[in-house]
């Protein structure tokens, strides 16, 4: 029996509820941005076109992930996103759409998290 971290993770993700809890815990542990000192960004100009993101967009993006790739700044493995795509697609599509509507940029948030972690050490 292979005892690699990926095999261990795969075994943990067999149940839908367990995989959702695992994703939620991983994301919560890696998302510690304190934005209390930041000024909200200005809204985009009225003629600015924002595309929408729906459940199918997220599902297809996650389904196409290579599970052999390393995780990103959020610490979530590609195999977790790919395996949990059907469960996570709707709520993450809503989150991404909210980011578009409020001009919140997740990459900026991740950079701030990394910066605050470096400053804390």
PDB file of N, CA and C in Angstrom:
ATOM      1  N   UNK A   1       0.855  -1.191   0.000  1.00  0.00           N
ATOM      2  CA  UNK A   1       0.000   0.000   0.000  1.00  0.00           C
ATOM      3  C   UNK A   1       0.889   1.238   0.000  1.00  0.00           C
ATOM      4  N   UNK A   2       0.616   2.166  -0.870  1.00  0.00           N
ATOM      5  CA  UNK A   2       1.367   3.414  -0.971  1.00  0.00           C
ATOM      6  C   UNK A   2       0.937   4.358   0.146  1.00  0.00           C
ATOM      7  N   UNK A   3       1.903   4.819   0.956  1.00  0.00           N
ATOM      8  CA  UNK A   3       1.599   5.725   2.067  1.00  0.00           C
ATOM      9  C   UNK A   3       1.974   7.164   1.745  1.00  0.00           C
ATOM     10  N   UNK A   4       2.013   7.521   0.456  1.00  0.00           N
ATOM     11  CA  UNK A   4       2.378   8.883   0.076  1.00  0.00           C
ATOM     12  C   UNK A   4       1.311   9.864   0.548  1.00  0.00           C
ATOM     13  N   UNK A   5       1.671  11.152   0.703  1.00  0.00           N
ATOM     14  CA  UNK A   5       0.687  12.157   1.113  1.00  0.00           C
ATOM     15  C   UNK A   5      -0.502  12.239   0.161  1.00  0.00           C
ATOM     16  N   UNK A   6      -0.271  12.039  -1.144  1.00  0.00           N
ATOM     17  CA  UNK A   6      -1.370  12.114  -2.111  1.00  0.00           C
ATOM     18  C   UNK A   6      -2.339  10.958  -1.891  1.00  0.00           C
ATOM     19  N   UNK A   7      -1.806   9.755  -1.663  1.00  0.00           N
ATOM     20  CA  UNK A   7      -2.669   8.600  -1.395  1.00  0.00           C
ATOM     21  C   UNK A   7      -3.450   8.802  -0.112  1.00  0.00           C
ATOM     22  N   UNK A   8      -2.772   9.307   0.896  1.00  0.00           N
ATOM     23  CA  UNK A   8      -3.438   9.586   2.170  1.00  0.00           C
ATOM     24  C   UNK A   8      -4.551  10.614   1.970  1.00  0.00           C
ATOM     25  N   UNK A   9      -4.259  11.662   1.213  1.00  0.00           N
ATOM     26  CA  UNK A   9      -5.261  12.687   0.939  1.00  0.00           C
ATOM     27  C   UNK A   9      -6.428  12.104   0.149  1.00  0.00           C
ATOM     28  N   UNK A  10      -6.123  11.289  -0.848  1.00  0.00           N
ATOM     29  CA  UNK A  10      -7.171  10.675  -1.662  1.00  0.00           C
ATOM     30  C   UNK A  10      -8.102   9.835  -0.791  1.00  0.00           C
ATOM     31  N   UNK A  11      -7.539   9.063   0.121  1.00  0.00           N
ATOM     32  CA  UNK A  11      -8.353   8.235   1.010  1.00  0.00           C
ATOM     33  C   UNK A  11      -9.235   9.085   1.917  1.00  0.00           C
ATOM     34  N   UNK A  12      -8.744  10.240   2.298  1.00  0.00           N
ATOM     35  CA  UNK A  12      -9.526  11.136   3.146  1.00  0.00           C
ATOM     36  C   UNK A  12     -10.685  11.774   2.384  1.00  0.00           C
ATOM     37  N   UNK A  13     -10.543  11.842   1.054  1.00  0.00           N
ATOM     38  CA  UNK A  13     -11.538  12.555   0.252  1.00  0.00           C
ATOM     39  C   UNK A  13     -12.612  11.652  -0.330  1.00  0.00           C
ATOM     40  N   UNK A  14     -12.730  10.433   0.139  1.00  0.00           N
ATOM     41  CA  UNK A  14     -13.702   9.512  -0.442  1.00  0.00           C
ATOM     42  C   UNK A  14     -15.133   9.974  -0.246  1.00  0.00           C
ATOM     43  N   UNK A  15     -15.441  10.545   0.884  1.00  0.00           N
ATOM     44  CA  UNK A  15     -16.796  11.033   1.123  1.00  0.00           C
ATOM     45  C   UNK A  15     -16.914  12.496   0.753  1.00  0.00           C
ATOM     46  N   UNK A  16     -18.039  12.888   0.193  1.00  0.00           N
ATOM     47  CA  UNK A  16     -18.272  14.267  -0.229  1.00  0.00           C
ATOM     48  C   UNK A  16     -18.155  15.222   0.955  1.00  0.00           C
ATOM     49  N   UNK A  17     -18.764  14.865   2.071  1.00  0.00           N
ATOM     50  CA  UNK A  17     -18.726  15.728   3.247  1.00  0.00           C
ATOM     51  C   UNK A  17     -17.304  15.866   3.767  1.00  0.00           C
ATOM     52  N   UNK A  18     -16.587  14.758   3.798  1.00  0.00           N
ATOM     53  CA  UNK A  18     -15.209  14.797   4.286  1.00  0.00           C
ATOM     54  C   UNK A  18     -14.337  15.671   3.389  1.00  0.00           C
ATOM     55  N   UNK A  19     -14.528  15.569   2.071  1.00  0.00           N
ATOM     56  CA  UNK A  19     -13.703  16.366   1.160  1.00  0.00           C
ATOM     57  C   UNK A  19     -14.004  17.850   1.309  1.00  0.00           C
ATOM     58  N   UNK A  20     -15.264  18.189   1.513  1.00  0.00           N
ATOM     59  CA  UNK A  20     -15.629  19.589   1.711  1.00  0.00           C
ATOM     60  C   UNK A  20     -15.028  20.121   3.000  1.00  0.00           C
ATOM     61  N   UNK A  21     -15.080  19.319   4.050  1.00  0.00           N
ATOM     62  CA  UNK A  21     -14.490  19.728   5.329  1.00  0.00           C
ATOM     63  C   UNK A  21     -12.979  19.887   5.203  1.00  0.00           C
ATOM     64  N   UNK A  22     -12.323  18.975   4.475  1.00  0.00           N
ATOM     65  CA  UNK A  22     -10.880  19.055   4.272  1.00  0.00           C
ATOM     66  C   UNK A  22     -10.510  20.320   3.506  1.00  0.00           C
ATOM     67  N   UNK A  23     -11.254  20.606   2.435  1.00  0.00           N
ATOM     68  CA  UNK A  23     -10.991  21.815   1.659  1.00  0.00           C
ATOM     69  C   UNK A  23     -11.193  23.056   2.515  1.00  0.00           C
ATOM     70  N   UNK A  24     -12.283  23.083   3.250  1.00  0.00           N
ATOM     71  CA  UNK A  24     -12.597  24.228   4.101  1.00  0.00           C
ATOM     72  C   UNK A  24     -11.508  24.453   5.142  1.00  0.00           C
ATOM     73  N   UNK A  25     -11.049  23.390   5.766  1.00  0.00           N
ATOM     74  CA  UNK A  25     -10.002  23.500   6.793  1.00  0.00           C
ATOM     75  C   UNK A  25      -8.688  23.985   6.178  1.00  0.00           C
ATOM     76  N   UNK A  26      -8.323  23.421   5.022  1.00  0.00           N
ATOM     77  CA  UNK A  26      -7.086  23.834   4.356  1.00  0.00           C
ATOM     78  C   UNK A  26      -7.140  25.302   3.967  1.00  0.00           C
ATOM     79  N   UNK A  27      -8.253  25.717   3.380  1.00  0.00           N
ATOM     80  CA  UNK A  27      -8.397  27.110   2.966  1.00  0.00           C
ATOM     81  C   UNK A  27      -8.400  28.041   4.175  1.00  0.00           C
ATOM     82  N   UNK A  28      -9.083  27.659   5.235  1.00  0.00           N
ATOM     83  CA  UNK A  28      -9.132  28.489   6.443  1.00  0.00           C
ATOM     84  C   UNK A  28      -7.756  28.625   7.079  1.00  0.00           C
ATOM     85  N   UNK A  29      -6.984  27.558   7.081  1.00  0.00           N
ATOM     86  CA  UNK A  29      -5.644  27.606   7.669  1.00  0.00           C
ATOM     87  C   UNK A  29      -4.691  28.481   6.868  1.00  0.00           C
ATOM     88  N   UNK A  30      -4.960  28.645   5.574  1.00  0.00           N
ATOM     89  CA  UNK A  30      -4.064  29.410   4.715  1.00  0.00           C
ATOM     90  C   UNK A  30      -4.601  30.788   4.350  1.00  0.00           C
ATOM     91  N   UNK A  31      -5.748  31.157   4.851  1.00  0.00           N
ATOM     92  CA  UNK A  31      -6.364  32.443   4.522  1.00  0.00           C
ATOM     93  C   UNK A  31      -6.512  33.270   5.787  1.00  0.00           C
ATOM     94  N   UNK A  32      -5.472  34.011   6.107  1.00  0.00           N
ATOM     95  CA  UNK A  32      -5.468  34.765   7.360  1.00  0.00           C
ATOM     96  C   UNK A  32      -5.223  36.250   7.130  1.00  0.00           C
ATOM     97  N   UNK A  33      -5.722  36.779   6.042  1.00  0.00           N
ATOM     98  CA  UNK A  33      -5.509  38.187   5.712  1.00  0.00           C
ATOM     99  C   UNK A  33      -6.266  39.094   6.672  1.00  0.00           C
ATOM    100  N   UNK A  34      -5.555  40.006   7.299  1.00  0.00           N
ATOM    101  CA  UNK A  34      -6.192  41.029   8.132  1.00  0.00           C
ATOM    102  C   UNK A  34      -6.286  42.285   7.277  1.00  0.00           C
ATOM    103  N   UNK A  35      -7.477  42.573   6.788  1.00  0.00           N
ATOM    104  CA  UNK A  35      -7.650  43.716   5.899  1.00  0.00           C
ATOM    105  C   UNK A  35      -8.234  44.926   6.613  1.00  0.00           C
ATOM    106  N   UNK A  36      -8.167  44.952   7.934  1.00  0.00           N
ATOM    107  CA  UNK A  36      -8.788  46.040   8.686  1.00  0.00           C
ATOM    108  C   UNK A  36      -8.152  47.396   8.394  1.00  0.00           C
ATOM    109  N   UNK A  37      -6.898  47.429   7.964  1.00  0.00           N
ATOM    110  CA  UNK A  37      -6.230  48.693   7.699  1.00  0.00           C
ATOM    111  C   UNK A  37      -6.267  49.129   6.246  1.00  0.00           C
ATOM    112  N   UNK A  38      -6.951  48.392   5.399  1.00  0.00           N
ATOM    113  CA  UNK A  38      -6.969  48.700   3.978  1.00  0.00           C
ATOM    114  C   UNK A  38      -8.196  49.513   3.587  1.00  0.00           C
ATOM    115  N   UNK A  39      -7.988  50.440   2.671  1.00  0.00           N
ATOM    116  CA  UNK A  39      -9.088  51.223   2.114  1.00  0.00           C
ATOM    117  C   UNK A  39      -9.690  50.408   0.979  1.00  0.00           C
ATOM    118  N   UNK A  40     -11.020  50.294   0.920  1.00  0.00           N
ATOM    119  CA  UNK A  40     -11.628  49.533  -0.177  1.00  0.00           C
ATOM    120  C   UNK A  40     -11.260  50.148  -1.521  1.00  0.00           C
ATOM    121  N   UNK A  41     -11.074  49.328  -2.549  1.00  0.00           N
ATOM    122  CA  UNK A  41     -10.719  49.856  -3.864  1.00  0.00           C
ATOM    123  C   UNK A  41     -11.867  50.651  -4.469  1.00  0.00           C
ATOM    124  N   UNK A  42     -11.510  51.556  -5.359  1.00  0.00           N
ATOM    125  CA  UNK A  42     -12.530  52.338  -6.061  1.00  0.00           C
ATOM    126  C   UNK A  42     -13.280  51.424  -7.020  1.00  0.00           C
ATOM    127  N   UNK A  43     -14.561  51.663  -7.205  1.00  0.00           N
ATOM    128  CA  UNK A  43     -15.294  50.839  -8.172  1.00  0.00           C
ATOM    129  C   UNK A  43     -14.780  51.112  -9.578  1.00  0.00           C
ATOM    130  N   UNK A  44     -14.908  50.149 -10.468  1.00  0.00           N
ATOM    131  CA  UNK A  44     -14.444  50.365 -11.839  1.00  0.00           C
ATOM    132  C   UNK A  44     -15.311  51.406 -12.529  1.00  0.00           C
ATOM    133  N   UNK A  45     -14.804  52.016 -13.600  1.00  0.00           N
ATOM    134  CA  UNK A  45     -15.606  52.983 -14.350  1.00  0.00           C
ATOM    135  C   UNK A  45     -16.884  52.326 -14.861  1.00  0.00           C
ATOM    136  N   UNK A  46     -17.903  53.125 -15.086  1.00  0.00           N
ATOM    137  CA  UNK A  46     -19.200  52.585 -15.502  1.00  0.00           C
ATOM    138  C   UNK A  46     -19.145  51.914 -16.869  1.00  0.00           C
ATOM    139  N   UNK A  47     -18.157  52.263 -17.689  1.00  0.00           N
ATOM    140  CA  UNK A  47     -18.058  51.635 -19.004  1.00  0.00           C
ATOM    141  C   UNK A  47     -17.154  50.393 -18.997  1.00  0.00           C
ATOM    142  N   UNK A  48     -16.706  50.013 -17.824  1.00  0.00           N
ATOM    143  CA  UNK A  48     -15.833  48.844 -17.683  1.00  0.00           C
ATOM    144  C   UNK A  48     -16.664  47.575 -17.805  1.00  0.00           C
ATOM    145  N   UNK A  49     -16.235  46.661 -18.661  1.00  0.00           N
ATOM    146  CA  UNK A  49     -16.965  45.413 -18.860  1.00  0.00           C
ATOM    147  C   UNK A  49     -16.379  44.327 -17.973  1.00  0.00           C
ATOM    148  N   UNK A  50     -17.212  43.719 -17.152  1.00  0.00           N
ATOM    149  CA  UNK A  50     -16.782  42.598 -16.322  1.00  0.00           C
ATOM    150  C   UNK A  50     -17.509  41.348 -16.780  1.00  0.00           C
ATOM    151  N   UNK A  51     -16.743  40.345 -17.121  1.00  0.00           N
ATOM    152  CA  UNK A  51     -17.383  39.088 -17.492  1.00  0.00           C
ATOM    153  C   UNK A  51     -17.896  38.403 -16.229  1.00  0.00           C
ATOM    154  N   UNK A  52     -18.768  37.460 -16.409  1.00  0.00           N
ATOM    155  CA  UNK A  52     -19.285  36.736 -15.255  1.00  0.00           C
ATOM    156  C   UNK A  52     -18.618  35.366 -15.172  1.00  0.00           C
ATOM    157  N   UNK A  53     -18.648  34.809 -13.998  1.00  0.00           N
ATOM    158  CA  UNK A  53     -18.100  33.477 -13.760  1.00  0.00           C
ATOM    159  C   UNK A  53     -19.237  32.631 -13.209  1.00  0.00           C
ATOM    160  N   UNK A  54     -19.497  31.502 -13.853  1.00  0.00           N
ATOM    161  CA  UNK A  54     -20.578  30.650 -13.367  1.00  0.00           C
ATOM    162  C   UNK A  54     -20.046  29.293 -12.919  1.00  0.00           C
ATOM    163  N   UNK A  55     -20.943  28.478 -12.401  1.00  0.00           N
ATOM    164  CA  UNK A  55     -20.584  27.174 -11.850  1.00  0.00           C
ATOM    165  C   UNK A  55     -19.866  26.305 -12.884  1.00  0.00           C
ATOM    166  N   UNK A  56     -20.377  26.290 -14.112  1.00  0.00           N
ATOM    167  CA  UNK A  56     -19.777  25.452 -15.150  1.00  0.00           C
ATOM    168  C   UNK A  56     -18.353  25.888 -15.476  1.00  0.00           C
ATOM    169  N   UNK A  57     -18.100  27.203 -15.471  1.00  0.00           N
ATOM    170  CA  UNK A  57     -16.742  27.705 -15.720  1.00  0.00           C
ATOM    171  C   UNK A  57     -15.772  27.152 -14.679  1.00  0.00           C
ATOM    172  N   UNK A  58     -16.169  27.240 -13.413  1.00  0.00           N
ATOM    173  CA  UNK A  58     -15.306  26.770 -12.321  1.00  0.00           C
ATOM    174  C   UNK A  58     -15.155  25.251 -12.384  1.00  0.00           C
ATOM    175  N   UNK A  59     -16.266  24.548 -12.603  1.00  0.00           N
ATOM    176  CA  UNK A  59     -16.222  23.086 -12.677  1.00  0.00           C
ATOM    177  C   UNK A  59     -15.267  22.624 -13.773  1.00  0.00           C
ATOM    178  N   UNK A  60     -15.371  23.208 -14.964  1.00  0.00           N
ATOM    179  CA  UNK A  60     -14.507  22.799 -16.076  1.00  0.00           C
ATOM    180  C   UNK A  60     -13.049  23.173 -15.816  1.00  0.00           C
ATOM    181  N   UNK A  61     -12.819  24.313 -15.180  1.00  0.00           N
ATOM    182  CA  UNK A  61     -11.444  24.702 -14.848  1.00  0.00           C
ATOM    183  C   UNK A  61     -10.833  23.715 -13.853  1.00  0.00           C
ATOM    184  N   UNK A  62     -11.591  23.356 -12.824  1.00  0.00           N
ATOM    185  CA  UNK A  62     -11.088  22.412 -11.820  1.00  0.00           C
ATOM    186  C   UNK A  62     -10.933  21.009 -12.399  1.00  0.00           C
ATOM    187  N   UNK A  63     -11.863  20.602 -13.247  1.00  0.00           N
ATOM    188  CA  UNK A  63     -11.808  19.263 -13.843  1.00  0.00           C
ATOM    189  C   UNK A  63     -10.590  19.103 -14.741  1.00  0.00           C
ATOM    190  N   UNK A  64     -10.112  20.203 -15.303  1.00  0.00           N
ATOM    191  CA  UNK A  64      -8.960  20.149 -16.189  1.00  0.00           C
ATOM    192  C   UNK A  64      -7.615  20.281 -15.493  1.00  0.00           C
ATOM    193  N   UNK A  65      -7.620  20.392 -14.166  1.00  0.00           N
ATOM    194  CA  UNK A  65      -6.359  20.546 -13.442  1.00  0.00           C
ATOM    195  C   UNK A  65      -5.525  19.271 -13.494  1.00  0.00           C
ATOM    196  N   UNK A  66      -4.217  19.444 -13.517  1.00  0.00           N
ATOM    197  CA  UNK A  66      -3.295  18.314 -13.472  1.00  0.00           C
ATOM    198  C   UNK A  66      -3.025  17.987 -12.004  1.00  0.00           C
ATOM    199  N   UNK A  67      -3.448  16.814 -11.516  1.00  0.00           N
ATOM    200  CA  UNK A  67      -3.269  16.488 -10.100  1.00  0.00           C
ATOM    201  C   UNK A  67      -1.812  16.315  -9.690  1.00  0.00           C
ATOM    202  N   UNK A  68      -0.907  16.267 -10.661  1.00  0.00           N
ATOM    203  CA  UNK A  68       0.516  16.126 -10.348  1.00  0.00           C
ATOM    204  C   UNK A  68       1.188  17.470 -10.064  1.00  0.00           C
ATOM    205  N   UNK A  69       0.480  18.562 -10.326  1.00  0.00           N
ATOM    206  CA  UNK A  69       1.048  19.899 -10.134  1.00  0.00           C
ATOM    207  C   UNK A  69       1.101  20.252  -8.650  1.00  0.00           C
ATOM    208  N   UNK A  70       2.026  21.120  -8.306  1.00  0.00           N
ATOM    209  CA  UNK A  70       2.155  21.597  -6.927  1.00  0.00           C
ATOM    210  C   UNK A  70       1.005  22.533  -6.594  1.00  0.00           C
ATOM    211  N   UNK A  71       0.765  22.710  -5.321  1.00  0.00           N
ATOM    212  CA  UNK A  71      -0.298  23.609  -4.883  1.00  0.00           C
ATOM    213  C   UNK A  71       0.125  25.061  -5.059  1.00  0.00           C
ATOM    214  N   UNK A  72      -0.850  25.951  -5.069  1.00  0.00           N
ATOM    215  CA  UNK A  72      -0.604  27.377  -5.239  1.00  0.00           C
ATOM    216  C   UNK A  72      -0.462  28.080  -3.905  1.00  0.00           C
ATOM    217  N   UNK A  73      -0.564  29.417  -3.905  1.00  0.00           N
ATOM    218  CA  UNK A  73      -0.368  30.192  -2.675  1.00  0.00           C
ATOM    219  C   UNK A  73      -1.432  29.917  -1.617  1.00  0.00           C
ATOM    220  N   UNK A  74      -2.561  29.326  -2.014  1.00  0.00           N
ATOM    221  CA  UNK A  74      -3.605  29.013  -1.037  1.00  0.00           C
ATOM    222  C   UNK A  74      -3.345  27.697  -0.317  1.00  0.00           C
ATOM    223  N   UNK A  75      -2.360  26.923  -0.770  1.00  0.00           N
ATOM    224  CA  UNK A  75      -2.018  25.666  -0.120  1.00  0.00           C
ATOM    225  C   UNK A  75      -2.937  24.510  -0.461  1.00  0.00           C
ATOM    226  N   UNK A  76      -3.845  24.689  -1.410  1.00  0.00           N
ATOM    227  CA  UNK A  76      -4.793  23.634  -1.770  1.00  0.00           C
ATOM    228  C   UNK A  76      -4.225  22.848  -2.957  1.00  0.00           C
ATOM    229  N   UNK A  77      -4.113  21.537  -2.800  1.00  0.00           N
ATOM    230  CA  UNK A  77      -3.595  20.687  -3.864  1.00  0.00           C
ATOM    231  C   UNK A  77      -4.571  20.624  -5.036  1.00  0.00           C
ATOM    232  N   UNK A  78      -4.016  20.513  -6.242  1.00  0.00           N
ATOM    233  CA  UNK A  78      -4.846  20.406  -7.445  1.00  0.00           C
ATOM    234  C   UNK A  78      -5.753  19.182  -7.385  1.00  0.00           C
ATOM    235  N   UNK A  79      -5.269  18.096  -6.806  1.00  0.00           N
ATOM    236  CA  UNK A  79      -6.090  16.882  -6.719  1.00  0.00           C
ATOM    237  C   UNK A  79      -7.324  17.113  -5.846  1.00  0.00           C
ATOM    238  N   UNK A  80      -7.207  17.967  -4.840  1.00  0.00           N
ATOM    239  CA  UNK A  80      -8.364  18.287  -3.993  1.00  0.00           C
ATOM    240  C   UNK A  80      -9.393  19.053  -4.811  1.00  0.00           C
ATOM    241  N   UNK A  81      -8.945  20.078  -5.537  1.00  0.00           N
ATOM    242  CA  UNK A  81      -9.867  20.867  -6.353  1.00  0.00           C
ATOM    243  C   UNK A  81     -10.512  20.021  -7.441  1.00  0.00           C
ATOM    244  N   UNK A  82      -9.722  19.170  -8.086  1.00  0.00           N
ATOM    245  CA  UNK A  82     -10.255  18.335  -9.162  1.00  0.00           C
ATOM    246  C   UNK A  82     -11.267  17.331  -8.621  1.00  0.00           C
ATOM    247  N   UNK A  83     -10.942  16.683  -7.516  1.00  0.00           N
ATOM    248  CA  UNK A  83     -11.824  15.675  -6.936  1.00  0.00           C
ATOM    249  C   UNK A  83     -13.103  16.292  -6.387  1.00  0.00           C
ATOM    250  N   UNK A  84     -12.998  17.482  -5.837  1.00  0.00           N
ATOM    251  CA  UNK A  84     -14.145  18.135  -5.191  1.00  0.00           C
ATOM    252  C   UNK A  84     -14.844  19.134  -6.108  1.00  0.00           C
ATOM    253  N   UNK A  85     -14.515  19.135  -7.388  1.00  0.00           N
ATOM    254  CA  UNK A  85     -15.040  20.150  -8.312  1.00  0.00           C
ATOM    255  C   UNK A  85     -16.558  20.249  -8.282  1.00  0.00           C
ATOM    256  N   UNK A  86     -17.245  19.118  -8.274  1.00  0.00           N
ATOM    257  CA  UNK A  86     -18.712  19.165  -8.318  1.00  0.00           C
ATOM    258  C   UNK A  86     -19.300  19.757  -7.046  1.00  0.00           C
ATOM    259  N   UNK A  87     -18.600  19.602  -5.926  1.00  0.00           N
ATOM    260  CA  UNK A  87     -19.091  20.124  -4.648  1.00  0.00           C
ATOM    261  C   UNK A  87     -18.745  21.599  -4.483  1.00  0.00           C
ATOM    262  N   UNK A  88     -17.555  21.986  -4.937  1.00  0.00           N
ATOM    263  CA  UNK A  88     -17.048  23.334  -4.688  1.00  0.00           C
ATOM    264  C   UNK A  88     -17.401  24.349  -5.767  1.00  0.00           C
ATOM    265  N   UNK A  89     -17.747  23.887  -6.953  1.00  0.00           N
ATOM    266  CA  UNK A  89     -17.904  24.790  -8.098  1.00  0.00           C
ATOM    267  C   UNK A  89     -18.898  25.916  -7.850  1.00  0.00           C
ATOM    268  N   UNK A  90     -20.054  25.624  -7.308  1.00  0.00           N
ATOM    269  CA  UNK A  90     -21.078  26.654  -7.136  1.00  0.00           C
ATOM    270  C   UNK A  90     -20.652  27.713  -6.125  1.00  0.00           C
ATOM    271  N   UNK A  91     -20.181  27.286  -4.951  1.00  0.00           N
ATOM    272  CA  UNK A  91     -19.827  28.287  -3.939  1.00  0.00           C
ATOM    273  C   UNK A  91     -18.606  29.101  -4.361  1.00  0.00           C
ATOM    274  N   UNK A  92     -17.641  28.475  -5.038  1.00  0.00           N
ATOM    275  CA  UNK A  92     -16.476  29.236  -5.488  1.00  0.00           C
ATOM    276  C   UNK A  92     -16.817  30.144  -6.665  1.00  0.00           C
ATOM    277  N   UNK A  93     -17.747  29.737  -7.512  1.00  0.00           N
ATOM    278  CA  UNK A  93     -18.199  30.626  -8.593  1.00  0.00           C
ATOM    279  C   UNK A  93     -18.817  31.882  -7.996  1.00  0.00           C
ATOM    280  N   UNK A  94     -19.604  31.708  -6.935  1.00  0.00           N
ATOM    281  CA  UNK A  94     -20.200  32.871  -6.264  1.00  0.00           C
ATOM    282  C   UNK A  94     -19.116  33.754  -5.650  1.00  0.00           C
ATOM    283  N   UNK A  95     -18.104  33.136  -5.045  1.00  0.00           N
ATOM    284  CA  UNK A  95     -16.997  33.903  -4.464  1.00  0.00           C
ATOM    285  C   UNK A  95     -16.243  34.669  -5.547  1.00  0.00           C
ATOM    286  N   UNK A  96     -15.917  34.006  -6.652  1.00  0.00           N
ATOM    287  CA  UNK A  96     -15.193  34.663  -7.739  1.00  0.00           C
ATOM    288  C   UNK A  96     -16.024  35.789  -8.348  1.00  0.00           C
ATOM    289  N   UNK A  97     -17.321  35.557  -8.504  1.00  0.00           N
ATOM    290  CA  UNK A  97     -18.203  36.597  -9.039  1.00  0.00           C
ATOM    291  C   UNK A  97     -18.234  37.794  -8.093  1.00  0.00           C
ATOM    292  N   UNK A  98     -18.294  37.543  -6.798  1.00  0.00           N
ATOM    293  CA  UNK A  98     -18.264  38.622  -5.811  1.00  0.00           C
ATOM    294  C   UNK A  98     -16.957  39.404  -5.909  1.00  0.00           C
ATOM    295  N   UNK A  99     -15.853  38.696  -6.117  1.00  0.00           N
ATOM    296  CA  UNK A  99     -14.564  39.373  -6.295  1.00  0.00           C
ATOM    297  C   UNK A  99     -14.593  40.289  -7.513  1.00  0.00           C
ATOM    298  N   UNK A 100     -15.200  39.828  -8.594  1.00  0.00           N
ATOM    299  CA  UNK A 100     -15.315  40.677  -9.786  1.00  0.00           C
ATOM    300  C   UNK A 100     -16.161  41.911  -9.511  1.00  0.00           C
ATOM    301  N   UNK A 101     -17.271  41.711  -8.823  1.00  0.00           N
ATOM    302  CA  UNK A 101     -18.197  42.819  -8.572  1.00  0.00           C
ATOM    303  C   UNK A 101     -17.647  43.838  -7.582  1.00  0.00           C
ATOM    304  N   UNK A 102     -16.817  43.398  -6.655  1.00  0.00           N
ATOM    305  CA  UNK A 102     -16.282  44.310  -5.633  1.00  0.00           C
ATOM    306  C   UNK A 102     -14.846  44.719  -5.923  1.00  0.00           C
ATOM    307  N   UNK A 103     -14.322  44.303  -7.047  1.00  0.00           N
ATOM    308  CA  UNK A 103     -12.940  44.556  -7.467  1.00  0.00           C
ATOM    309  C   UNK A 103     -11.920  44.040  -6.465  1.00  0.00           C
ATOM    310  N   UNK A 104     -12.273  43.035  -5.683  1.00  0.00           N
ATOM    311  CA  UNK A 104     -11.327  42.371  -4.793  1.00  0.00           C
ATOM    312  C   UNK A 104     -10.505  41.414  -5.634  1.00  0.00           C
ATOM    313  N   UNK A 105      -9.212  41.421  -5.464  1.00  0.00           N
ATOM    314  CA  UNK A 105      -8.341  40.551  -6.242  1.00  0.00           C
ATOM    315  C   UNK A 105      -7.725  39.519  -5.316  1.00  0.00           C
ATOM    316  N   UNK A 106      -8.005  38.246  -5.581  1.00  0.00           N
ATOM    317  CA  UNK A 106      -7.500  37.178  -4.731  1.00  0.00           C
ATOM    318  C   UNK A 106      -5.983  37.111  -4.748  1.00  0.00           C
ATOM    319  N   UNK A 107      -5.351  37.395  -5.889  1.00  0.00           N
ATOM    320  CA  UNK A 107      -3.894  37.333  -5.944  1.00  0.00           C
ATOM    321  C   UNK A 107      -3.283  38.387  -5.035  1.00  0.00           C
ATOM    322  N   UNK A 108      -3.880  39.563  -4.972  1.00  0.00           N
ATOM    323  CA  UNK A 108      -3.401  40.607  -4.068  1.00  0.00           C
ATOM    324  C   UNK A 108      -3.575  40.163  -2.631  1.00  0.00           C
ATOM    325  N   UNK A 109      -4.690  39.536  -2.328  1.00  0.00           N
ATOM    326  CA  UNK A 109      -4.936  39.048  -0.977  1.00  0.00           C
ATOM    327  C   UNK A 109      -3.901  38.015  -0.585  1.00  0.00           C
ATOM    328  N   UNK A 110      -3.568  37.107  -1.499  1.00  0.00           N
ATOM    329  CA  UNK A 110      -2.560  36.085  -1.213  1.00  0.00           C
ATOM    330  C   UNK A 110      -1.198  36.720  -0.977  1.00  0.00           C
ATOM    331  N   UNK A 111      -0.865  37.750  -1.758  1.00  0.00           N
ATOM    332  CA  UNK A 111       0.407  38.436  -1.557  1.00  0.00           C
ATOM    333  C   UNK A 111       0.451  39.092  -0.188  1.00  0.00           C
ATOM    334  N   UNK A 112      -0.653  39.679   0.233  1.00  0.00           N
ATOM    335  CA  UNK A 112      -0.713  40.309   1.549  1.00  0.00           C
ATOM    336  C   UNK A 112      -0.573  39.276   2.660  1.00  0.00           C
ATOM    337  N   UNK A 113      -1.183  38.123   2.487  1.00  0.00           N
ATOM    338  CA  UNK A 113      -1.057  37.053   3.482  1.00  0.00           C
ATOM    339  C   UNK A 113       0.396  36.631   3.593  1.00  0.00           C
ATOM    340  N   UNK A 114       1.043  36.411   2.452  1.00  0.00           N
ATOM    341  CA  UNK A 114       2.445  36.003   2.472  1.00  0.00           C
ATOM    342  C   UNK A 114       3.322  37.074   3.106  1.00  0.00           C
ATOM    343  N   UNK A 115       3.058  38.342   2.797  1.00  0.00           N
ATOM    344  CA  UNK A 115       3.837  39.436   3.366  1.00  0.00           C
ATOM    345  C   UNK A 115       3.656  39.484   4.886  1.00  0.00           C
ATOM    346  N   UNK A 116       2.418  39.332   5.359  1.00  0.00           N
ATOM    347  CA  UNK A 116       2.174  39.395   6.801  1.00  0.00           C
ATOM    348  C   UNK A 116       2.813  38.210   7.512  1.00  0.00           C
ATOM    349  N   UNK A 117       2.864  37.051   6.863  1.00  0.00           N
ATOM    350  CA  UNK A 117       3.530  35.885   7.462  1.00  0.00           C
ATOM    351  C   UNK A 117       5.032  36.118   7.570  1.00  0.00           C
ATOM    352  N   UNK A 118       5.628  36.713   6.522  1.00  0.00           N
ATOM    353  CA  UNK A 118       7.065  37.005   6.573  1.00  0.00           C
ATOM    354  C   UNK A 118       7.371  38.022   7.662  1.00  0.00           C
ATOM    355  N   UNK A 119       6.519  39.042   7.790  1.00  0.00           N
ATOM    356  CA  UNK A 119       6.734  40.078   8.793  1.00  0.00           C
ATOM    357  C   UNK A 119       6.591  39.536  10.209  1.00  0.00           C
ATOM    358  N   UNK A 120       5.766  38.506  10.382  1.00  0.00           N
ATOM    359  CA  UNK A 120       5.522  37.943  11.712  1.00  0.00           C
ATOM    360  C   UNK A 120       6.698  37.102  12.199  1.00  0.00           C
ATOM    361  N   UNK A 121       7.535  36.633  11.278  1.00  0.00           N
ATOM    362  CA  UNK A 121       8.655  35.774  11.690  1.00  0.00           C
ATOM    363  C   UNK A 121       9.905  36.551  11.953  1.00  0.00           C
TER     364      UNK A 121
END
